[in-house]
Each structure stands twice: as C-alpha cells, then as structure tokens.
N, C-alpha and C. Protein backbone atom coordinates (compact mmCIF):
# COMPACT_ATOMS: atom_id res chain seq x y z
N MET A 1 104.78 114.12 106.34
CA MET A 1 105.63 115.01 105.58
C MET A 1 106.28 115.99 106.54
N ASP A 2 107.57 116.08 106.51
CA ASP A 2 108.30 117.00 107.38
C ASP A 2 108.42 118.34 106.67
N THR A 3 107.53 119.27 107.04
CA THR A 3 107.49 120.55 106.35
C THR A 3 108.65 121.46 106.73
N GLN A 4 109.30 121.21 107.84
CA GLN A 4 110.39 122.08 108.26
C GLN A 4 111.64 121.88 107.42
N SER A 5 111.87 120.68 106.87
CA SER A 5 113.09 120.41 106.13
C SER A 5 112.97 120.73 104.65
N GLN A 6 111.77 120.98 104.16
CA GLN A 6 111.58 121.28 102.75
C GLN A 6 111.62 122.78 102.51
N SER A 7 112.05 123.16 101.31
CA SER A 7 112.06 124.58 100.97
C SER A 7 110.64 125.04 100.67
N TRP A 8 110.44 126.33 100.61
CA TRP A 8 109.13 126.90 100.32
C TRP A 8 108.64 126.49 98.94
N PHE A 9 109.56 126.29 98.01
CA PHE A 9 109.17 125.96 96.65
C PHE A 9 108.79 124.49 96.50
N ASP A 10 109.26 123.62 97.38
CA ASP A 10 108.97 122.20 97.30
C ASP A 10 107.69 121.81 98.03
N ARG A 11 107.23 122.66 98.93
CA ARG A 11 106.05 122.33 99.72
C ARG A 11 104.78 122.64 98.96
N ARG A 12 103.73 121.89 99.28
CA ARG A 12 102.41 122.12 98.69
C ARG A 12 101.42 122.38 99.80
N ILE A 13 100.43 123.17 99.50
CA ILE A 13 99.39 123.45 100.49
C ILE A 13 98.22 122.51 100.24
N TYR A 14 97.72 121.93 101.33
CA TYR A 14 96.58 121.03 101.28
C TYR A 14 95.60 121.42 102.38
N ARG A 15 94.32 121.05 102.17
CA ARG A 15 93.34 121.18 103.25
C ARG A 15 93.56 120.01 104.21
N SER A 16 93.60 120.30 105.48
CA SER A 16 93.86 119.27 106.48
C SER A 16 92.67 118.33 106.61
N ARG A 17 92.98 117.06 106.84
CA ARG A 17 91.93 116.08 107.09
C ARG A 17 91.68 115.87 108.58
N HIS A 18 92.65 116.23 109.42
CA HIS A 18 92.47 115.97 110.85
C HIS A 18 92.46 117.23 111.72
N LYS A 19 92.94 118.36 111.25
CA LYS A 19 92.88 119.62 112.00
C LYS A 19 91.86 120.52 111.35
N ARG A 20 90.63 120.07 111.33
CA ARG A 20 89.60 120.80 110.61
C ARG A 20 88.40 121.10 111.49
N MET A 21 87.76 122.21 111.21
CA MET A 21 86.50 122.56 111.85
C MET A 21 85.37 122.51 110.82
N VAL A 22 85.61 123.09 109.65
CA VAL A 22 84.62 123.08 108.59
C VAL A 22 85.16 122.32 107.38
N ALA A 23 86.15 122.88 106.71
CA ALA A 23 86.66 122.27 105.49
C ALA A 23 88.14 121.94 105.55
N GLY A 24 88.83 122.31 106.62
CA GLY A 24 90.24 122.03 106.73
C GLY A 24 91.15 123.10 106.14
N VAL A 25 90.56 124.22 105.70
CA VAL A 25 91.36 125.29 105.09
C VAL A 25 92.31 125.90 106.11
N ALA A 26 91.81 126.26 107.27
CA ALA A 26 92.66 126.89 108.29
C ALA A 26 93.71 125.91 108.81
N GLY A 27 93.34 124.66 108.97
CA GLY A 27 94.31 123.65 109.40
C GLY A 27 95.42 123.45 108.38
N GLY A 28 95.05 123.46 107.11
CA GLY A 28 96.05 123.32 106.05
C GLY A 28 96.96 124.53 105.95
N LEU A 29 96.38 125.73 106.05
CA LEU A 29 97.21 126.95 106.03
C LEU A 29 98.12 127.01 107.24
N GLY A 30 97.60 126.61 108.39
CA GLY A 30 98.43 126.59 109.60
C GLY A 30 99.60 125.63 109.47
N ALA A 31 99.35 124.45 108.91
CA ALA A 31 100.43 123.48 108.72
C ALA A 31 101.44 123.99 107.70
N TYR A 32 100.97 124.62 106.65
CA TYR A 32 101.86 125.14 105.61
C TYR A 32 102.75 126.27 106.14
N LEU A 33 102.15 127.16 106.94
CA LEU A 33 102.89 128.30 107.47
C LEU A 33 103.61 127.99 108.77
N GLY A 34 103.31 126.85 109.38
CA GLY A 34 103.96 126.48 110.63
C GLY A 34 103.41 127.22 111.83
N ILE A 35 102.13 127.59 111.78
CA ILE A 35 101.49 128.29 112.90
C ILE A 35 100.25 127.52 113.33
N ASP A 36 99.71 127.91 114.47
CA ASP A 36 98.52 127.26 115.00
C ASP A 36 97.31 127.58 114.11
N PRO A 37 96.51 126.57 113.75
CA PRO A 37 95.32 126.83 112.92
C PRO A 37 94.33 127.79 113.58
N THR A 38 94.34 127.89 114.89
CA THR A 38 93.44 128.82 115.57
C THR A 38 93.74 130.26 115.17
N LEU A 39 95.01 130.59 114.99
CA LEU A 39 95.36 131.94 114.56
C LEU A 39 94.85 132.21 113.14
N VAL A 40 94.90 131.22 112.29
CA VAL A 40 94.39 131.37 110.93
C VAL A 40 92.87 131.55 110.97
N ARG A 41 92.20 130.78 111.82
CA ARG A 41 90.75 130.93 111.95
C ARG A 41 90.38 132.31 112.45
N LEU A 42 91.12 132.82 113.43
CA LEU A 42 90.86 134.17 113.94
C LEU A 42 91.08 135.22 112.85
N LEU A 43 92.07 135.02 112.01
CA LEU A 43 92.32 135.95 110.91
C LEU A 43 91.14 135.94 109.93
N PHE A 44 90.61 134.75 109.61
CA PHE A 44 89.44 134.69 108.74
C PHE A 44 88.24 135.40 109.36
N VAL A 45 88.02 135.21 110.66
CA VAL A 45 86.90 135.88 111.34
C VAL A 45 87.11 137.39 111.32
N PHE A 46 88.32 137.84 111.62
CA PHE A 46 88.61 139.28 111.62
C PHE A 46 88.37 139.87 110.24
N LEU A 47 88.87 139.21 109.19
CA LEU A 47 88.68 139.72 107.83
C LEU A 47 87.21 139.73 107.43
N THR A 48 86.46 138.75 107.92
CA THR A 48 85.03 138.70 107.61
C THR A 48 84.30 139.87 108.27
N LEU A 49 84.59 140.13 109.54
CA LEU A 49 83.88 141.19 110.26
C LEU A 49 84.37 142.58 109.89
N ALA A 50 85.67 142.76 109.71
CA ALA A 50 86.23 144.09 109.51
C ALA A 50 86.19 144.53 108.04
N CYS A 51 86.19 143.60 107.13
CA CYS A 51 86.32 143.96 105.71
C CYS A 51 85.10 143.58 104.88
N GLY A 52 83.97 143.50 105.50
CA GLY A 52 82.75 143.26 104.74
C GLY A 52 82.63 141.90 104.09
N GLY A 53 83.13 140.87 104.74
CA GLY A 53 82.95 139.51 104.23
C GLY A 53 84.09 138.98 103.39
N ILE A 54 85.18 139.72 103.29
CA ILE A 54 86.33 139.27 102.49
C ILE A 54 86.89 137.95 103.04
N GLY A 55 86.93 137.80 104.35
CA GLY A 55 87.45 136.57 104.96
C GLY A 55 86.62 135.36 104.58
N LEU A 56 85.31 135.50 104.61
CA LEU A 56 84.42 134.40 104.24
C LEU A 56 84.58 134.06 102.75
N LEU A 57 84.68 135.08 101.93
CA LEU A 57 84.87 134.86 100.51
C LEU A 57 86.20 134.15 100.25
N ALA A 58 87.27 134.58 100.92
CA ALA A 58 88.58 133.95 100.75
C ALA A 58 88.53 132.50 101.22
N TYR A 59 87.84 132.23 102.33
CA TYR A 59 87.72 130.87 102.84
C TYR A 59 87.03 129.97 101.82
N VAL A 60 85.93 130.44 101.26
CA VAL A 60 85.18 129.63 100.29
C VAL A 60 86.01 129.39 99.04
N ILE A 61 86.73 130.41 98.57
CA ILE A 61 87.58 130.24 97.39
C ILE A 61 88.68 129.22 97.66
N LEU A 62 89.32 129.32 98.84
CA LEU A 62 90.36 128.35 99.19
C LEU A 62 89.77 126.95 99.35
N TRP A 63 88.56 126.85 99.88
CA TRP A 63 87.89 125.56 100.03
C TRP A 63 87.72 124.90 98.65
N ILE A 64 87.45 125.71 97.64
CA ILE A 64 87.22 125.18 96.30
C ILE A 64 88.54 124.81 95.61
N ILE A 65 89.57 125.66 95.74
CA ILE A 65 90.77 125.45 94.91
C ILE A 65 91.88 124.64 95.58
N VAL A 66 91.90 124.57 96.92
CA VAL A 66 92.97 123.83 97.61
C VAL A 66 92.54 122.38 97.78
N PRO A 67 93.35 121.43 97.31
CA PRO A 67 92.97 120.01 97.43
C PRO A 67 93.13 119.50 98.85
N LYS A 68 92.40 118.40 99.14
CA LYS A 68 92.55 117.73 100.44
C LYS A 68 93.92 117.07 100.52
N ALA A 69 94.41 116.93 101.73
CA ALA A 69 95.70 116.25 101.94
C ALA A 69 95.58 114.79 101.50
N PRO A 70 96.63 114.24 100.91
CA PRO A 70 96.59 112.83 100.52
C PRO A 70 96.40 111.93 101.74
N LEU A 71 95.75 110.82 101.53
CA LEU A 71 95.47 109.89 102.63
C LEU A 71 96.74 109.30 103.22
N ASP A 72 97.78 109.12 102.44
CA ASP A 72 98.99 108.48 102.96
C ASP A 72 99.74 109.38 103.94
N GLU A 73 99.42 110.65 104.01
CA GLU A 73 100.10 111.55 104.93
C GLU A 73 99.33 111.76 106.23
N GLU A 74 98.21 111.12 106.36
CA GLU A 74 97.39 111.28 107.55
C GLU A 74 97.73 110.20 108.58
N LEU A 75 97.46 110.51 109.82
CA LEU A 75 97.65 109.53 110.89
C LEU A 75 96.51 108.53 110.86
N THR A 76 96.83 107.28 111.14
CA THR A 76 95.80 106.27 111.29
C THR A 76 95.66 105.97 112.78
N VAL A 77 94.65 105.22 113.12
CA VAL A 77 94.42 104.88 114.52
C VAL A 77 95.60 104.09 115.08
N ASP A 78 96.22 103.26 114.26
CA ASP A 78 97.35 102.46 114.72
C ASP A 78 98.58 103.31 115.02
N ASP A 79 98.68 104.49 114.42
CA ASP A 79 99.82 105.37 114.65
C ASP A 79 99.72 106.13 115.97
N LEU A 80 98.53 106.24 116.50
CA LEU A 80 98.32 107.02 117.71
C LEU A 80 98.74 106.25 118.95
N PRO A 81 99.28 106.92 119.97
CA PRO A 81 99.63 106.23 121.21
C PRO A 81 98.38 105.74 121.93
N ARG A 82 98.51 104.60 122.59
CA ARG A 82 97.38 104.01 123.30
C ARG A 82 97.09 104.71 124.63
N SER A 83 98.14 105.21 125.28
CA SER A 83 97.96 105.91 126.55
C SER A 83 99.03 106.99 126.68
N ALA A 84 98.95 107.79 127.72
CA ALA A 84 99.93 108.85 127.94
C ALA A 84 101.32 108.28 128.19
N ALA A 85 101.40 107.07 128.73
CA ALA A 85 102.70 106.44 128.98
C ALA A 85 103.42 106.08 127.69
N ASP A 86 102.67 105.92 126.58
CA ASP A 86 103.26 105.58 125.29
C ASP A 86 103.84 106.78 124.56
N ILE A 87 103.53 107.99 125.02
CA ILE A 87 104.00 109.20 124.35
C ILE A 87 105.42 109.50 124.83
N PRO A 88 106.39 109.54 123.91
CA PRO A 88 107.76 109.84 124.34
C PRO A 88 107.88 111.30 124.76
N PRO A 89 108.70 111.59 125.76
CA PRO A 89 108.85 112.98 126.19
C PRO A 89 109.54 113.79 125.11
N GLN A 90 109.08 115.00 124.90
CA GLN A 90 109.67 115.88 123.91
C GLN A 90 110.07 117.18 124.58
N PRO A 91 111.25 117.68 124.26
CA PRO A 91 111.60 118.99 124.80
C PRO A 91 110.77 120.07 124.10
N PRO A 92 110.56 121.19 124.72
CA PRO A 92 109.82 122.26 124.06
C PRO A 92 110.58 122.75 122.82
N ARG A 93 109.85 123.34 121.86
CA ARG A 93 110.48 123.79 120.62
C ARG A 93 111.59 124.80 120.86
N TRP A 94 111.42 125.64 121.86
CA TRP A 94 112.43 126.67 122.10
C TRP A 94 113.73 126.10 122.63
N ALA A 95 113.71 124.85 123.11
CA ALA A 95 114.91 124.23 123.68
C ALA A 95 115.74 123.51 122.63
N LYS A 96 115.24 123.40 121.42
CA LYS A 96 115.99 122.66 120.38
C LYS A 96 117.05 123.52 119.76
C-alpha cells in the first residue's frame, strides 16, 4: 500500500506484521505517520516513565483496538532480494 499517495481520510492504521517488537503497534503508527517506528517506541517509553504509566496504558489499548495488517500487504520471502546486488539503487528521500 502506497501511503504517500493516499489522503489522510483514505488511509487506515494497522498493527505491523514485520516491523514489530512486541505487538506491532509502534511499527503500525510509524508507517501510518511516515516516521521511524523507533521514534514511536521512544515516545511510548517517555510517556510511560514521565506520566505514570500512560504510555504503557495507551500501548495496551492500541494493541487491543488496532487490527493487524492484512496478509496481502505484507512482504513474502519471494519478494525480498536474494543479495545486495539485486537491490536497485535508490536516491535518498531528500533528493526526490
């Protein structure tokens, strides 16, 4: 799914199946917002430590209410490059 070409109203948030550490909540939020999931994870940790567990509570609530990403949108083993030579060169995002 190309999230950059869709409007905010057409996109749906899902828990990631491949960018996950625990439940895929941070990976899904990162994909939805177009940011690195590590930043989302750090935000959850900060909210948990600084706000008396609010981050952990929010994570668990999102884990319950946000559905997993559909299987048809996930990469399969056949989609992955076999070696570094198979990966096409890409310009950096700032150069586009």
